[in-house]
Amino acid sequence: MMTYMTYGLIRGVLEICDEYRIGYICAVMEPALIRILSRFGLNFEHIGGLVEHHGLRQPCAARLADLIEHNRANRTLLWQYTERYVSHAPDGILPIAA
């Protein structure tokens, strides 16, 4: 259940990026969160060293098109969930970056 909630949240973020034509995602995250996101197929590039911001955080960035293509090419669980959701979605809901 938690996995699908996480996938739904990630899918929502990607849809917002698509809707507003956001091409890059930038964040300052704990290294542990970066590892977790990487397991979901969301690989962020480190930009700079660790910084102190409510604890040690890593500045990161990712090109949205690269994240989507990586997931599509590798048929990650996130991509499989997206395909399954889209194939059963009501009319008017489009797949991200199709």
Protein backbone atom coordinates (compact mmCIF):
# COMPACT_ATOMS: atom_id res chain seq x y z
CA MET A 1 0.00 0.00 0.00
CA MET A 2 2.76 2.47 0.95
CA THR A 3 4.55 1.80 -2.35
CA TYR A 4 1.47 2.79 -4.37
CA MET A 5 1.00 5.94 -2.28
CA THR A 6 4.63 6.86 -2.97
CA TYR A 7 4.22 6.14 -6.68
CA GLY A 8 1.04 8.22 -6.74
CA LEU A 9 2.82 11.14 -5.10
CA ILE A 10 5.74 10.92 -7.53
CA ARG A 11 3.34 10.65 -10.47
CA GLY A 12 1.50 13.75 -9.23
CA VAL A 13 4.74 15.74 -9.06
CA LEU A 14 5.65 14.64 -12.58
CA GLU A 15 2.20 15.61 -13.87
CA ILE A 16 2.53 19.08 -12.34
CA CYS A 17 5.95 19.45 -13.97
CA ASP A 18 4.47 18.38 -17.29
CA GLU A 19 1.49 20.75 -16.96
CA TYR A 20 3.67 23.77 -16.19
CA ARG A 21 6.41 22.73 -18.63
CA ILE A 22 9.01 22.39 -15.90
CA GLY A 23 12.07 20.74 -17.43
CA TYR A 24 14.29 20.33 -14.37
CA ILE A 25 13.72 19.31 -10.77
CA CYS A 26 16.07 20.70 -8.14
CA ALA A 27 16.16 19.82 -4.47
CA VAL A 28 18.26 19.78 -1.34
CA MET A 29 17.79 16.34 0.22
CA GLU A 30 19.22 14.03 2.82
CA PRO A 31 21.54 11.46 1.24
CA ALA A 32 19.22 8.69 2.50
CA LEU A 33 16.27 10.16 0.58
CA ILE A 34 18.39 10.37 -2.57
CA ARG A 35 19.12 6.63 -2.22
CA ILE A 36 15.44 5.82 -1.72
CA LEU A 37 14.40 7.84 -4.78
CA SER A 38 17.14 6.13 -6.77
CA ARG A 39 15.55 2.75 -5.96
CA PHE A 40 12.32 4.09 -7.49
CA GLY A 41 14.23 4.96 -10.67
CA LEU A 42 14.57 8.67 -9.90
CA ASN A 43 18.28 9.37 -10.24
CA PHE A 44 19.33 12.87 -9.24
CA GLU A 45 22.72 14.34 -10.09
CA HIS A 46 24.65 15.86 -7.20
CA ILE A 47 25.43 19.52 -7.77
CA GLY A 48 28.05 20.56 -5.26
CA GLY A 49 28.95 19.18 -1.87
CA LEU A 50 26.88 18.62 1.24
CA VAL A 51 25.47 21.76 2.85
CA GLU A 52 24.12 22.44 6.31
CA HIS A 53 20.36 23.04 6.08
CA HIS A 54 18.43 21.52 9.00
CA GLY A 55 21.13 18.84 8.99
CA LEU A 56 23.45 17.79 6.17
CA ARG A 57 21.76 17.94 2.77
CA GLN A 58 22.88 17.28 -0.79
CA PRO A 59 21.95 19.76 -3.55
CA CYS A 60 20.65 17.78 -6.53
CA ALA A 61 19.07 18.28 -9.92
CA ALA A 62 17.50 16.10 -12.58
CA ARG A 63 16.23 16.72 -16.09
CA LEU A 64 12.61 15.59 -16.17
CA ALA A 65 12.89 14.08 -19.67
CA ASP A 66 15.88 11.98 -18.51
CA LEU A 67 13.98 10.67 -15.47
CA ILE A 68 11.03 9.65 -17.63
CA GLU A 69 13.18 8.07 -20.34
CA HIS A 70 15.25 6.12 -17.79
CA ASN A 71 12.08 4.71 -16.21
CA ARG A 72 10.52 3.91 -19.58
CA ALA A 73 13.67 2.24 -20.96
CA ASN A 74 14.22 0.17 -17.82
CA ARG A 75 10.53 -0.58 -17.25
CA THR A 76 10.92 0.28 -13.57
CA LEU A 77 8.14 -0.42 -11.09
CA LEU A 78 7.27 3.29 -11.20
CA TRP A 79 6.85 3.13 -14.98
CA GLN A 80 4.82 -0.09 -14.74
CA TYR A 81 2.53 1.53 -12.18
CA THR A 82 2.09 4.57 -14.41
CA GLU A 83 1.18 2.38 -17.40
CA ARG A 84 -1.26 0.35 -15.32
CA TYR A 85 -2.86 3.48 -13.87
CA VAL A 86 -3.18 5.15 -17.25
CA SER A 87 -4.69 2.07 -18.90
CA HIS A 88 -7.46 2.05 -16.25
CA ALA A 89 -7.82 5.82 -15.86
CA PRO A 90 -11.03 7.65 -16.66
CA ASP A 91 -11.21 9.61 -19.91
CA GLY A 92 -9.28 12.85 -19.87
CA ILE A 93 -6.34 11.58 -17.81
CA LEU A 94 -3.31 11.33 -20.05
CA PRO A 95 -0.08 9.46 -19.40
CA ILE A 96 2.84 11.65 -18.41
CA ALA A 97 5.18 12.53 -21.25
CA ALA A 98 3.51 10.16 -23.70
